[in-house]
Amino acid sequence: MRADDLSAKKQLRQRLRQVLAEIPNDQVETKSLRACHRLFEQPEYVKAEVIMVFLPLPTELDTSPIVLRAWQDRKRVLAPKVSWSQRRITAMEIRSLRDDLAVSPTGIREPVSGIPFLASLIDMVIVPGLAFDQYGHRLGRGRGFYDRFLAHPDFAGVSCGMGFEEQVTPSVPFGPLDQCVNMLITDDKVRRFEPDKPVD
């Protein structure tokens, strides 16, 4: 990736971190619930039997309603566990938001233990991001964990970005290793993407 693209990504990350930090806590809760309820209405969610859900940082969209609803709908719920040495995430099943999770030394909530779930068995991955654009490009936090996970040759499920409408930007710098999401759900609308075709 060119140096100017890396610089553009860095600037966009800084701007979006500030945008997220300025959303009041009560609005984070309200907007998160609105986005989650939009997800529950989508056929991709209804059909999915196994869902992987990101566990949010304090300023990110709260995904706990998705976890609780998925259990209620008798779906299996997975959460990512980070391997910093291997620079990748693995999906592990959780059955409790209290007992099955712990805060890692890096401050991330993740599964305490478990057997990695095969990528081929995952129907839907709820993907975080700092920014998303009208083509389904996403800007993560720079580690590339989700890009590598979504690029797994055995993963054939739906990748669904979730965030606040404030995180949608006209364009996101995009490199050869970056993975698009199939759809994006915010508190305002649902977008589905086709390669290189913008969504109004």
N, C-alpha and C. Protein backbone atom coordinates (compact mmCIF):
# COMPACT_ATOMS: atom_id res chain seq x y z
N MET A 1 0.84 -1.19 0.00
CA MET A 1 0.00 0.00 0.00
C MET A 1 0.88 1.25 0.00
N ARG A 2 0.48 2.26 -0.78
CA ARG A 2 1.28 3.48 -0.90
C ARG A 2 1.29 4.25 0.41
N ALA A 3 2.34 5.05 0.58
CA ALA A 3 2.49 5.83 1.81
C ALA A 3 1.34 6.81 1.99
N ASP A 4 0.84 7.39 0.87
CA ASP A 4 -0.26 8.35 1.00
C ASP A 4 -1.55 7.66 1.43
N ASP A 5 -1.75 6.38 1.03
CA ASP A 5 -2.91 5.63 1.48
C ASP A 5 -2.83 5.34 2.97
N LEU A 6 -1.62 4.99 3.43
CA LEU A 6 -1.43 4.73 4.86
C LEU A 6 -1.67 6.00 5.66
N SER A 7 -1.21 7.13 5.13
CA SER A 7 -1.42 8.40 5.80
C SER A 7 -2.91 8.74 5.85
N ALA A 8 -3.61 8.47 4.74
CA ALA A 8 -5.05 8.75 4.70
C ALA A 8 -5.80 7.88 5.70
N LYS A 9 -5.38 6.62 5.82
CA LYS A 9 -6.01 5.73 6.80
C LYS A 9 -5.78 6.24 8.22
N LYS A 10 -4.55 6.66 8.48
CA LYS A 10 -4.23 7.16 9.82
C LYS A 10 -5.07 8.37 10.17
N GLN A 11 -5.22 9.30 9.24
CA GLN A 11 -6.01 10.50 9.49
C GLN A 11 -7.48 10.16 9.69
N LEU A 12 -7.98 9.22 8.87
CA LEU A 12 -9.39 8.84 9.00
C LEU A 12 -9.64 8.14 10.33
N ARG A 13 -8.70 7.30 10.75
CA ARG A 13 -8.84 6.65 12.06
C ARG A 13 -8.91 7.69 13.18
N GLN A 14 -8.03 8.66 13.13
CA GLN A 14 -8.02 9.71 14.16
C GLN A 14 -9.35 10.46 14.18
N ARG A 15 -9.86 10.78 13.01
CA ARG A 15 -11.12 11.53 12.93
C ARG A 15 -12.29 10.72 13.46
N LEU A 16 -12.35 9.42 13.09
CA LEU A 16 -13.47 8.59 13.51
C LEU A 16 -13.40 8.25 14.99
N ARG A 17 -12.21 8.11 15.54
CA ARG A 17 -12.09 7.90 16.99
C ARG A 17 -12.68 9.09 17.73
N GLN A 18 -12.42 10.28 17.21
CA GLN A 18 -12.96 11.49 17.83
C GLN A 18 -14.48 11.53 17.69
N VAL A 19 -14.98 11.16 16.51
CA VAL A 19 -16.44 11.12 16.28
C VAL A 19 -17.11 10.18 17.28
N LEU A 20 -16.55 8.98 17.45
CA LEU A 20 -17.12 8.01 18.38
C LEU A 20 -17.06 8.51 19.82
N ALA A 21 -15.95 9.14 20.17
CA ALA A 21 -15.78 9.62 21.54
C ALA A 21 -16.79 10.70 21.89
N GLU A 22 -17.31 11.41 20.88
CA GLU A 22 -18.22 12.52 21.13
C GLU A 22 -19.69 12.10 21.17
N ILE A 23 -19.99 10.83 20.89
CA ILE A 23 -21.38 10.36 20.99
C ILE A 23 -21.70 10.11 22.46
N PRO A 24 -22.71 10.79 23.03
CA PRO A 24 -23.04 10.60 24.45
C PRO A 24 -23.43 9.15 24.74
N ASN A 25 -23.16 8.71 25.96
CA ASN A 25 -23.41 7.32 26.34
C ASN A 25 -24.86 6.91 26.14
N ASP A 26 -25.80 7.79 26.46
CA ASP A 26 -27.21 7.42 26.30
C ASP A 26 -27.56 7.24 24.84
N GLN A 27 -26.91 8.03 23.96
CA GLN A 27 -27.15 7.86 22.53
C GLN A 27 -26.51 6.58 22.00
N VAL A 28 -25.34 6.23 22.55
CA VAL A 28 -24.71 4.96 22.17
C VAL A 28 -25.67 3.81 22.43
N GLU A 29 -26.32 3.83 23.59
CA GLU A 29 -27.25 2.75 23.95
C GLU A 29 -28.47 2.75 23.02
N THR A 30 -29.05 3.93 22.81
CA THR A 30 -30.25 4.02 21.97
C THR A 30 -29.96 3.64 20.53
N LYS A 31 -28.86 4.17 19.99
CA LYS A 31 -28.51 3.91 18.59
C LYS A 31 -28.10 2.45 18.40
N SER A 32 -27.45 1.86 19.41
CA SER A 32 -27.07 0.45 19.33
C SER A 32 -28.31 -0.43 19.25
N LEU A 33 -29.29 -0.16 20.10
CA LEU A 33 -30.52 -0.95 20.09
C LEU A 33 -31.24 -0.82 18.75
N ARG A 34 -31.25 0.38 18.20
CA ARG A 34 -31.92 0.59 16.92
C ARG A 34 -31.25 -0.22 15.83
N ALA A 35 -29.91 -0.23 15.81
CA ALA A 35 -29.17 -1.00 14.80
C ALA A 35 -29.40 -2.49 14.98
N CYS A 36 -29.37 -2.95 16.24
CA CYS A 36 -29.57 -4.38 16.51
C CYS A 36 -30.94 -4.84 16.05
N HIS A 37 -31.96 -4.03 16.28
CA HIS A 37 -33.31 -4.42 15.85
C HIS A 37 -33.42 -4.45 14.33
N ARG A 38 -32.67 -3.60 13.65
CA ARG A 38 -32.64 -3.68 12.19
C ARG A 38 -32.03 -5.02 11.75
N LEU A 39 -30.98 -5.44 12.44
CA LEU A 39 -30.37 -6.72 12.11
C LEU A 39 -31.36 -7.87 12.24
N PHE A 40 -32.14 -7.87 13.34
CA PHE A 40 -33.05 -8.99 13.60
C PHE A 40 -34.10 -9.15 12.51
N GLU A 41 -34.36 -8.08 11.76
CA GLU A 41 -35.38 -8.13 10.71
C GLU A 41 -34.83 -8.66 9.38
N GLN A 42 -33.52 -8.84 9.29
CA GLN A 42 -32.91 -9.21 8.00
C GLN A 42 -32.90 -10.72 7.79
N PRO A 43 -33.15 -11.15 6.55
CA PRO A 43 -33.18 -12.59 6.26
C PRO A 43 -31.84 -13.28 6.54
N GLU A 44 -30.74 -12.55 6.39
CA GLU A 44 -29.43 -13.15 6.66
C GLU A 44 -29.31 -13.56 8.12
N TYR A 45 -29.84 -12.73 9.01
CA TYR A 45 -29.83 -13.08 10.43
C TYR A 45 -30.79 -14.23 10.71
N VAL A 46 -31.98 -14.16 10.15
CA VAL A 46 -33.00 -15.18 10.42
C VAL A 46 -32.50 -16.57 10.01
N LYS A 47 -31.82 -16.64 8.86
CA LYS A 47 -31.35 -17.93 8.35
C LYS A 47 -30.13 -18.46 9.09
N ALA A 48 -29.35 -17.57 9.65
CA ALA A 48 -28.07 -17.97 10.26
C ALA A 48 -28.30 -18.84 11.50
N GLU A 49 -27.54 -19.91 11.59
CA GLU A 49 -27.58 -20.78 12.77
C GLU A 49 -26.38 -20.56 13.68
N VAL A 50 -25.27 -20.10 13.09
CA VAL A 50 -24.05 -19.83 13.85
C VAL A 50 -23.59 -18.41 13.52
N ILE A 51 -23.49 -17.57 14.55
CA ILE A 51 -23.14 -16.17 14.36
C ILE A 51 -21.92 -15.82 15.21
N MET A 52 -20.97 -15.15 14.59
CA MET A 52 -19.82 -14.62 15.33
C MET A 52 -20.05 -13.12 15.54
N VAL A 53 -19.91 -12.68 16.78
CA VAL A 53 -20.22 -11.29 17.15
C VAL A 53 -19.00 -10.65 17.81
N PHE A 54 -18.64 -9.44 17.37
CA PHE A 54 -17.54 -8.75 18.04
C PHE A 54 -17.99 -8.23 19.40
N LEU A 55 -17.06 -8.18 20.33
CA LEU A 55 -17.32 -7.65 21.67
C LEU A 55 -16.77 -6.24 21.71
N PRO A 56 -17.64 -5.24 21.86
CA PRO A 56 -17.24 -3.86 21.58
C PRO A 56 -16.34 -3.22 22.63
N LEU A 57 -15.57 -2.27 22.16
CA LEU A 57 -14.89 -1.34 23.04
C LEU A 57 -15.92 -0.32 23.54
N PRO A 58 -15.59 0.45 24.58
CA PRO A 58 -16.60 1.33 25.19
C PRO A 58 -17.31 2.29 24.24
N THR A 59 -16.62 2.79 23.21
CA THR A 59 -17.25 3.76 22.31
C THR A 59 -17.92 3.11 21.10
N GLU A 60 -17.82 1.78 20.98
CA GLU A 60 -18.39 1.09 19.82
C GLU A 60 -19.84 0.70 20.06
N LEU A 61 -20.51 0.37 18.97
CA LEU A 61 -21.88 -0.12 19.04
C LEU A 61 -21.97 -1.33 19.97
N ASP A 62 -22.94 -1.32 20.87
CA ASP A 62 -23.10 -2.41 21.83
C ASP A 62 -23.76 -3.61 21.15
N THR A 63 -23.08 -4.73 21.14
CA THR A 63 -23.59 -5.94 20.47
C THR A 63 -24.23 -6.92 21.44
N SER A 64 -24.28 -6.59 22.73
CA SER A 64 -24.87 -7.56 23.68
C SER A 64 -26.32 -7.88 23.36
N PRO A 65 -27.15 -6.93 22.83
CA PRO A 65 -28.51 -7.33 22.44
C PRO A 65 -28.53 -8.41 21.36
N ILE A 66 -27.51 -8.40 20.48
CA ILE A 66 -27.45 -9.44 19.43
C ILE A 66 -27.19 -10.80 20.06
N VAL A 67 -26.24 -10.83 20.99
CA VAL A 67 -25.90 -12.09 21.65
C VAL A 67 -27.11 -12.66 22.38
N LEU A 68 -27.79 -11.81 23.15
CA LEU A 68 -28.93 -12.28 23.94
C LEU A 68 -30.08 -12.73 23.04
N ARG A 69 -30.34 -12.00 21.97
CA ARG A 69 -31.41 -12.37 21.05
C ARG A 69 -31.07 -13.65 20.30
N ALA A 70 -29.81 -13.79 19.90
CA ALA A 70 -29.40 -15.00 19.17
C ALA A 70 -29.56 -16.24 20.04
N TRP A 71 -29.20 -16.14 21.31
CA TRP A 71 -29.44 -17.28 22.21
C TRP A 71 -30.93 -17.57 22.32
N GLN A 72 -31.72 -16.53 22.42
CA GLN A 72 -33.18 -16.69 22.51
C GLN A 72 -33.71 -17.38 21.26
N ASP A 73 -33.10 -17.07 20.11
CA ASP A 73 -33.51 -17.67 18.83
C ASP A 73 -32.83 -19.01 18.59
N ARG A 74 -32.16 -19.53 19.62
CA ARG A 74 -31.50 -20.85 19.57
C ARG A 74 -30.40 -20.93 18.51
N LYS A 75 -29.69 -19.84 18.36
CA LYS A 75 -28.51 -19.82 17.50
C LYS A 75 -27.26 -20.03 18.36
N ARG A 76 -26.22 -20.51 17.75
CA ARG A 76 -24.93 -20.62 18.44
C ARG A 76 -24.17 -19.32 18.25
N VAL A 77 -23.59 -18.83 19.32
CA VAL A 77 -22.92 -17.53 19.29
C VAL A 77 -21.42 -17.72 19.53
N LEU A 78 -20.63 -17.11 18.66
CA LEU A 78 -19.18 -17.17 18.77
C LEU A 78 -18.65 -15.76 19.02
N ALA A 79 -17.49 -15.70 19.64
CA ALA A 79 -16.80 -14.43 19.85
C ALA A 79 -15.34 -14.61 19.48
N PRO A 80 -14.68 -13.53 19.04
CA PRO A 80 -13.28 -13.65 18.61
C PRO A 80 -12.31 -13.66 19.79
N LYS A 81 -11.31 -14.51 19.68
CA LYS A 81 -10.20 -14.53 20.63
C LYS A 81 -8.93 -14.19 19.85
N VAL A 82 -8.17 -13.23 20.36
CA VAL A 82 -7.00 -12.73 19.64
C VAL A 82 -5.76 -13.53 19.99
N SER A 83 -5.03 -13.94 18.95
CA SER A 83 -3.69 -14.48 19.12
C SER A 83 -2.72 -13.43 18.59
N TRP A 84 -2.10 -12.68 19.51
CA TRP A 84 -1.21 -11.61 19.08
C TRP A 84 0.05 -12.16 18.42
N SER A 85 0.51 -13.32 18.89
CA SER A 85 1.74 -13.88 18.32
C SER A 85 1.52 -14.33 16.88
N GLN A 86 0.31 -14.87 16.60
CA GLN A 86 0.00 -15.32 15.25
C GLN A 86 -0.71 -14.26 14.41
N ARG A 87 -1.01 -13.12 15.05
CA ARG A 87 -1.68 -12.01 14.37
C ARG A 87 -2.98 -12.43 13.71
N ARG A 88 -3.80 -13.15 14.48
CA ARG A 88 -5.08 -13.57 13.94
C ARG A 88 -6.09 -13.74 15.06
N ILE A 89 -7.35 -13.85 14.67
CA ILE A 89 -8.41 -14.15 15.63
C ILE A 89 -8.99 -15.52 15.32
N THR A 90 -9.42 -16.20 16.37
CA THR A 90 -10.15 -17.44 16.21
C THR A 90 -11.52 -17.27 16.81
N ALA A 91 -12.49 -18.00 16.31
CA ALA A 91 -13.87 -17.91 16.78
C ALA A 91 -14.13 -19.02 17.79
N MET A 92 -14.60 -18.62 18.97
CA MET A 92 -14.91 -19.59 20.02
C MET A 92 -16.34 -19.39 20.51
N GLU A 93 -17.03 -20.48 20.80
CA GLU A 93 -18.42 -20.38 21.23
C GLU A 93 -18.49 -19.85 22.67
N ILE A 94 -19.49 -18.99 22.90
CA ILE A 94 -19.77 -18.52 24.26
C ILE A 94 -21.23 -18.82 24.59
N ARG A 95 -21.47 -19.09 25.87
CA ARG A 95 -22.84 -19.38 26.32
C ARG A 95 -23.25 -18.48 27.48
N SER A 96 -22.35 -17.59 27.87
CA SER A 96 -22.62 -16.62 28.94
C SER A 96 -21.77 -15.39 28.72
N LEU A 97 -22.38 -14.21 28.85
CA LEU A 97 -21.62 -12.96 28.74
C LEU A 97 -20.84 -12.68 30.01
N ARG A 98 -21.16 -13.40 31.07
CA ARG A 98 -20.47 -13.18 32.34
C ARG A 98 -19.39 -14.23 32.58
N ASP A 99 -19.76 -15.51 32.46
CA ASP A 99 -18.85 -16.58 32.86
C ASP A 99 -17.84 -16.95 31.79
N ASP A 100 -18.18 -16.75 30.53
CA ASP A 100 -17.33 -17.22 29.44
C ASP A 100 -16.36 -16.18 28.92
N LEU A 101 -16.40 -14.95 29.48
CA LEU A 101 -15.56 -13.87 28.97
C LEU A 101 -14.66 -13.32 30.06
N ALA A 102 -13.52 -12.79 29.62
CA ALA A 102 -12.59 -12.12 30.53
C ALA A 102 -11.93 -10.98 29.76
N VAL A 103 -11.41 -10.01 30.49
CA VAL A 103 -10.71 -8.89 29.87
C VAL A 103 -9.23 -9.27 29.73
N SER A 104 -8.73 -9.20 28.51
CA SER A 104 -7.34 -9.56 28.24
C SER A 104 -6.40 -8.46 28.74
N PRO A 105 -5.10 -8.73 28.79
CA PRO A 105 -4.14 -7.69 29.20
C PRO A 105 -4.18 -6.45 28.31
N THR A 106 -4.69 -6.59 27.09
CA THR A 106 -4.78 -5.44 26.20
C THR A 106 -6.10 -4.69 26.35
N GLY A 107 -6.94 -5.14 27.30
CA GLY A 107 -8.20 -4.44 27.56
C GLY A 107 -9.36 -4.87 26.69
N ILE A 108 -9.21 -5.99 26.00
CA ILE A 108 -10.27 -6.49 25.11
C ILE A 108 -11.01 -7.63 25.79
N ARG A 109 -12.34 -7.60 25.76
CA ARG A 109 -13.11 -8.74 26.25
C ARG A 109 -13.04 -9.86 25.22
N GLU A 110 -12.79 -11.08 25.68
CA GLU A 110 -12.72 -12.21 24.77
C GLU A 110 -13.01 -13.50 25.52
N PRO A 111 -13.29 -14.57 24.78
CA PRO A 111 -13.57 -15.85 25.44
C PRO A 111 -12.41 -16.31 26.32
N VAL A 112 -12.75 -16.90 27.45
CA VAL A 112 -11.73 -17.40 28.37
C VAL A 112 -11.02 -18.59 27.76
N SER A 113 -11.78 -19.50 27.21
CA SER A 113 -11.22 -20.72 26.63
C SER A 113 -12.22 -21.32 25.67
N GLY A 114 -11.84 -22.40 25.05
CA GLY A 114 -12.75 -23.08 24.14
C GLY A 114 -12.02 -23.66 22.96
N ILE A 115 -12.74 -24.40 22.16
CA ILE A 115 -12.19 -25.00 20.95
C ILE A 115 -12.52 -24.09 19.77
N PRO A 116 -11.52 -23.72 18.97
CA PRO A 116 -11.79 -22.87 17.81
C PRO A 116 -12.86 -23.47 16.89
N PHE A 117 -13.77 -22.64 16.45
CA PHE A 117 -14.86 -23.05 15.58
C PHE A 117 -14.39 -22.99 14.13
N LEU A 118 -14.73 -23.97 13.33
CA LEU A 118 -14.32 -23.99 11.93
C LEU A 118 -14.99 -22.85 11.17
N ALA A 119 -14.20 -22.16 10.35
CA ALA A 119 -14.74 -21.04 9.57
C ALA A 119 -15.86 -21.48 8.65
N SER A 120 -15.78 -22.70 8.17
CA SER A 120 -16.79 -23.20 7.23
C SER A 120 -18.16 -23.36 7.86
N LEU A 121 -18.23 -23.39 9.19
CA LEU A 121 -19.50 -23.60 9.89
C LEU A 121 -20.15 -22.29 10.34
N ILE A 122 -19.51 -21.18 10.07
CA ILE A 122 -20.03 -19.88 10.51
C ILE A 122 -20.90 -19.27 9.41
N ASP A 123 -22.13 -18.98 9.76
CA ASP A 123 -23.07 -18.44 8.77
C ASP A 123 -23.00 -16.92 8.64
N MET A 124 -22.65 -16.25 9.73
CA MET A 124 -22.65 -14.80 9.71
C MET A 124 -21.61 -14.27 10.68
N VAL A 125 -20.87 -13.25 10.26
CA VAL A 125 -19.90 -12.58 11.12
C VAL A 125 -20.29 -11.11 11.24
N ILE A 126 -20.52 -10.66 12.47
CA ILE A 126 -20.79 -9.25 12.72
C ILE A 126 -19.44 -8.57 12.91
N VAL A 127 -19.14 -7.64 12.00
CA VAL A 127 -17.79 -7.08 11.89
C VAL A 127 -17.76 -5.64 12.41
N PRO A 128 -16.78 -5.32 13.27
CA PRO A 128 -16.63 -3.94 13.70
C PRO A 128 -15.86 -3.12 12.69
N GLY A 129 -15.81 -1.84 12.89
CA GLY A 129 -15.01 -0.97 12.04
C GLY A 129 -15.04 0.44 12.58
N LEU A 130 -14.02 1.19 12.25
CA LEU A 130 -14.05 2.61 12.59
C LEU A 130 -14.82 3.40 11.53
N ALA A 131 -14.69 2.97 10.27
CA ALA A 131 -15.39 3.65 9.17
C ALA A 131 -15.81 2.63 8.12
N PHE A 132 -16.90 2.96 7.45
CA PHE A 132 -17.39 2.16 6.33
C PHE A 132 -17.78 3.12 5.21
N ASP A 133 -17.68 2.65 3.94
CA ASP A 133 -18.10 3.52 2.85
C ASP A 133 -19.20 2.87 2.03
N GLN A 134 -19.57 3.55 0.94
CA GLN A 134 -20.73 3.15 0.14
C GLN A 134 -20.46 1.94 -0.75
N TYR A 135 -19.23 1.43 -0.73
CA TYR A 135 -18.90 0.23 -1.50
C TYR A 135 -18.74 -1.01 -0.61
N GLY A 136 -18.86 -0.85 0.70
CA GLY A 136 -18.64 -1.96 1.61
C GLY A 136 -17.22 -2.06 2.12
N HIS A 137 -16.37 -1.09 1.74
CA HIS A 137 -15.02 -1.05 2.31
C HIS A 137 -15.12 -0.64 3.78
N ARG A 138 -14.23 -1.20 4.59
CA ARG A 138 -14.22 -0.84 6.01
C ARG A 138 -12.81 -0.48 6.44
N LEU A 139 -12.76 0.38 7.43
CA LEU A 139 -11.48 0.74 8.03
C LEU A 139 -11.49 0.22 9.46
N GLY A 140 -10.60 -0.74 9.73
CA GLY A 140 -10.48 -1.27 11.08
C GLY A 140 -9.49 -0.47 11.90
N ARG A 141 -8.97 -1.08 12.92
CA ARG A 141 -8.05 -0.38 13.81
C ARG A 141 -6.58 -0.61 13.44
N GLY A 142 -6.34 -1.25 12.30
CA GLY A 142 -4.99 -1.30 11.76
C GLY A 142 -4.24 -2.60 11.96
N ARG A 143 -4.86 -3.56 12.64
CA ARG A 143 -4.16 -4.82 12.89
C ARG A 143 -4.41 -5.87 11.80
N GLY A 144 -5.50 -5.73 11.08
CA GLY A 144 -5.80 -6.66 9.98
C GLY A 144 -6.40 -7.98 10.42
N PHE A 145 -6.82 -8.09 11.69
CA PHE A 145 -7.34 -9.37 12.19
C PHE A 145 -8.59 -9.81 11.42
N TYR A 146 -9.54 -8.91 11.27
CA TYR A 146 -10.79 -9.29 10.60
C TYR A 146 -10.58 -9.50 9.10
N ASP A 147 -9.69 -8.73 8.49
CA ASP A 147 -9.40 -8.94 7.07
C ASP A 147 -8.86 -10.35 6.84
N ARG A 148 -7.96 -10.80 7.70
CA ARG A 148 -7.42 -12.15 7.55
C ARG A 148 -8.49 -13.20 7.82
N PHE A 149 -9.34 -12.94 8.81
CA PHE A 149 -10.39 -13.91 9.14
C PHE A 149 -11.39 -14.04 7.99
N LEU A 150 -11.85 -12.91 7.45
CA LEU A 150 -12.84 -12.95 6.37
C LEU A 150 -12.25 -13.51 5.08
N ALA A 151 -10.92 -13.44 4.94
CA ALA A 151 -10.27 -13.97 3.73
C ALA A 151 -10.03 -15.47 3.82
N HIS A 152 -10.38 -16.10 4.94
CA HIS A 152 -10.16 -17.54 5.09
C HIS A 152 -10.88 -18.28 3.96
N PRO A 153 -10.20 -19.17 3.27
CA PRO A 153 -10.81 -19.84 2.11
C PRO A 153 -12.04 -20.67 2.44
N ASP A 154 -12.20 -21.08 3.71
CA ASP A 154 -13.35 -21.90 4.08
C ASP A 154 -14.55 -21.07 4.53
N PHE A 155 -14.37 -19.77 4.72
CA PHE A 155 -15.49 -18.96 5.17
C PHE A 155 -16.38 -18.59 3.98
N ALA A 156 -17.64 -19.01 4.04
CA ALA A 156 -18.58 -18.74 2.95
C ALA A 156 -19.84 -18.06 3.47
N GLY A 157 -19.77 -17.54 4.70
CA GLY A 157 -20.93 -16.90 5.30
C GLY A 157 -21.05 -15.44 4.89
N VAL A 158 -21.94 -14.75 5.59
CA VAL A 158 -22.21 -13.33 5.33
C VAL A 158 -21.40 -12.49 6.30
N SER A 159 -20.70 -11.48 5.78
CA SER A 159 -20.00 -10.53 6.65
C SER A 159 -20.85 -9.27 6.74
N CYS A 160 -21.20 -8.91 7.96
CA CYS A 160 -22.11 -7.79 8.19
C CYS A 160 -21.43 -6.76 9.09
N GLY A 161 -21.06 -5.63 8.52
CA GLY A 161 -20.53 -4.55 9.33
C GLY A 161 -21.63 -3.92 10.15
N MET A 162 -21.30 -3.51 11.36
CA MET A 162 -22.28 -2.81 12.20
C MET A 162 -21.61 -1.63 12.88
N GLY A 163 -22.29 -0.50 12.83
CA GLY A 163 -21.76 0.71 13.45
C GLY A 163 -22.83 1.78 13.45
N PHE A 164 -22.43 2.97 13.81
CA PHE A 164 -23.34 4.11 13.83
C PHE A 164 -23.29 4.82 12.48
N GLU A 165 -24.39 5.49 12.14
CA GLU A 165 -24.44 6.19 10.86
C GLU A 165 -23.32 7.23 10.75
N GLU A 166 -22.88 7.78 11.88
CA GLU A 166 -21.78 8.74 11.87
C GLU A 166 -20.47 8.14 11.35
N GLN A 167 -20.38 6.81 11.32
CA GLN A 167 -19.16 6.15 10.86
C GLN A 167 -19.14 5.89 9.36
N VAL A 168 -20.24 6.21 8.68
CA VAL A 168 -20.30 6.02 7.23
C VAL A 168 -19.69 7.24 6.55
N THR A 169 -18.71 7.00 5.70
CA THR A 169 -17.97 8.07 5.05
C THR A 169 -17.97 7.83 3.54
N PRO A 170 -17.81 8.87 2.72
CA PRO A 170 -17.89 8.68 1.26
C PRO A 170 -16.92 7.63 0.71
N SER A 171 -15.70 7.58 1.25
CA SER A 171 -14.75 6.58 0.75
C SER A 171 -13.76 6.22 1.83
N VAL A 172 -13.30 4.98 1.77
CA VAL A 172 -12.30 4.46 2.69
C VAL A 172 -11.10 3.99 1.86
N PRO A 173 -9.88 4.42 2.20
CA PRO A 173 -8.69 3.91 1.49
C PRO A 173 -8.67 2.38 1.55
N PHE A 174 -8.41 1.75 0.41
CA PHE A 174 -8.61 0.31 0.30
C PHE A 174 -7.42 -0.34 -0.36
N GLY A 175 -6.80 -1.31 0.33
CA GLY A 175 -5.64 -2.01 -0.21
C GLY A 175 -5.97 -3.42 -0.63
N PRO A 176 -5.00 -4.14 -1.21
CA PRO A 176 -5.25 -5.47 -1.76
C PRO A 176 -5.59 -6.52 -0.71
N LEU A 177 -5.23 -6.32 0.54
CA LEU A 177 -5.52 -7.30 1.58
C LEU A 177 -6.78 -6.96 2.37
N ASP A 178 -7.35 -5.79 2.11
CA ASP A 178 -8.56 -5.37 2.82
C ASP A 178 -9.79 -6.10 2.28
N GLN A 179 -10.66 -6.53 3.19
CA GLN A 179 -11.86 -7.27 2.81
C GLN A 179 -13.10 -6.39 2.95
N CYS A 180 -13.94 -6.42 1.93
CA CYS A 180 -15.23 -5.73 2.00
C CYS A 180 -16.20 -6.52 2.87
N VAL A 181 -17.22 -5.84 3.39
CA VAL A 181 -18.33 -6.53 4.03
C VAL A 181 -19.45 -6.67 3.02
N ASN A 182 -20.28 -7.71 3.18
CA ASN A 182 -21.40 -7.95 2.28
C ASN A 182 -22.55 -6.98 2.54
N MET A 183 -22.67 -6.56 3.79
CA MET A 183 -23.75 -5.65 4.15
C MET A 183 -23.31 -4.80 5.34
N LEU A 184 -24.02 -3.70 5.53
CA LEU A 184 -23.72 -2.79 6.63
C LEU A 184 -25.03 -2.36 7.27
N ILE A 185 -25.09 -2.48 8.59
CA ILE A 185 -26.27 -2.06 9.33
C ILE A 185 -25.87 -0.99 10.33
N THR A 186 -26.56 0.14 10.27
CA THR A 186 -26.36 1.21 11.25
C THR A 186 -27.70 1.48 11.94
N ASP A 187 -27.69 2.46 12.83
CA ASP A 187 -28.93 2.86 13.48
C ASP A 187 -29.90 3.51 12.50
N ASP A 188 -29.42 3.88 11.31
CA ASP A 188 -30.26 4.60 10.36
C ASP A 188 -30.76 3.75 9.20
N LYS A 189 -29.93 2.81 8.71
CA LYS A 189 -30.37 2.05 7.53
C LYS A 189 -29.57 0.76 7.36
N VAL A 190 -30.04 -0.03 6.40
CA VAL A 190 -29.37 -1.28 6.01
C VAL A 190 -28.85 -1.11 4.59
N ARG A 191 -27.60 -1.43 4.38
CA ARG A 191 -27.00 -1.36 3.04
C ARG A 191 -26.46 -2.73 2.66
N ARG A 192 -26.70 -3.13 1.43
CA ARG A 192 -26.09 -4.35 0.89
C ARG A 192 -25.22 -3.95 -0.28
N PHE A 193 -24.11 -4.68 -0.48
CA PHE A 193 -23.12 -4.24 -1.44
C PHE A 193 -22.88 -5.26 -2.54
N GLU A 194 -22.62 -4.72 -3.73
CA GLU A 194 -22.09 -5.49 -4.83
C GLU A 194 -20.71 -4.90 -5.15
N PRO A 195 -19.77 -5.74 -5.58
CA PRO A 195 -18.42 -5.23 -5.83
C PRO A 195 -18.41 -4.01 -6.74
N ASP A 196 -17.74 -2.97 -6.27
CA ASP A 196 -17.51 -1.74 -7.06
C ASP A 196 -18.77 -1.02 -7.46
N LYS A 197 -19.89 -1.33 -6.79
CA LYS A 197 -21.13 -0.62 -7.09
C LYS A 197 -21.57 0.15 -5.85
N PRO A 198 -21.61 1.48 -5.94
CA PRO A 198 -21.97 2.26 -4.76
C PRO A 198 -23.42 2.08 -4.36
N VAL A 199 -23.71 2.32 -3.09
CA VAL A 199 -25.06 2.27 -2.57
C VAL A 199 -25.48 3.68 -2.23
N ASP A 200 -26.66 4.08 -2.67
CA ASP A 200 -27.15 5.43 -2.38
C ASP A 200 -27.44 5.57 -0.89
